[in-house]
Structure formats: C-alpha cells, structure tokens
Amino acid sequence: MLIRSQDKTKLVDIAGKTIIVSEVNDIKISYANSSVRLGHYTSKEKAIKVLDMIQESCIDCHIDFQMPQDEEV
C-alpha cells in the first residue's frame, strides 16, 4: 500500500513497515535507522483515528491512502 504524506511531498510504500504515533502527535513510518513523517495532528486521539483509517484502508485492499489534514479528522 502507498501512503502520500499530509504535505503531499512524499509517497511511501508501507509494505512490511511500522507506522507509529510519536509523542508530538506525528504519524511516522519507521525504517531501520530513520523515520519519515507522514502527518501531524493536534491531538493523540486524532492521530490514532488516522491510524484506524489507514488500517481500514488496508483491510479493504486499497492500494493508496492520502493522509488527511488535521481539520478533516
């Protein structure tokens, strides 16, 4: 599955990767020695809701997902 970052500057293949919510409510994809920020949200609850949306998109076999803006969550 491909995820386009919130600012639309990154397109990331998430196959086999871990997606996390950081302590500052960023959603990041982790690699061995680095991470890529996919989006930022004003609360942990919003960031977790976006993770739920990504999970649902994967379950529904979508091949892409656009990170929503904060006000869209």
Foldseek 3Di string as FASTA:
>chain_A
DWEQAQVRPDIDDQVPWDWDQDPQRFIWTDDDPDIDTRYHENDVVLSVVQVVVVVVCVVVVHPYYYRHHRVVD
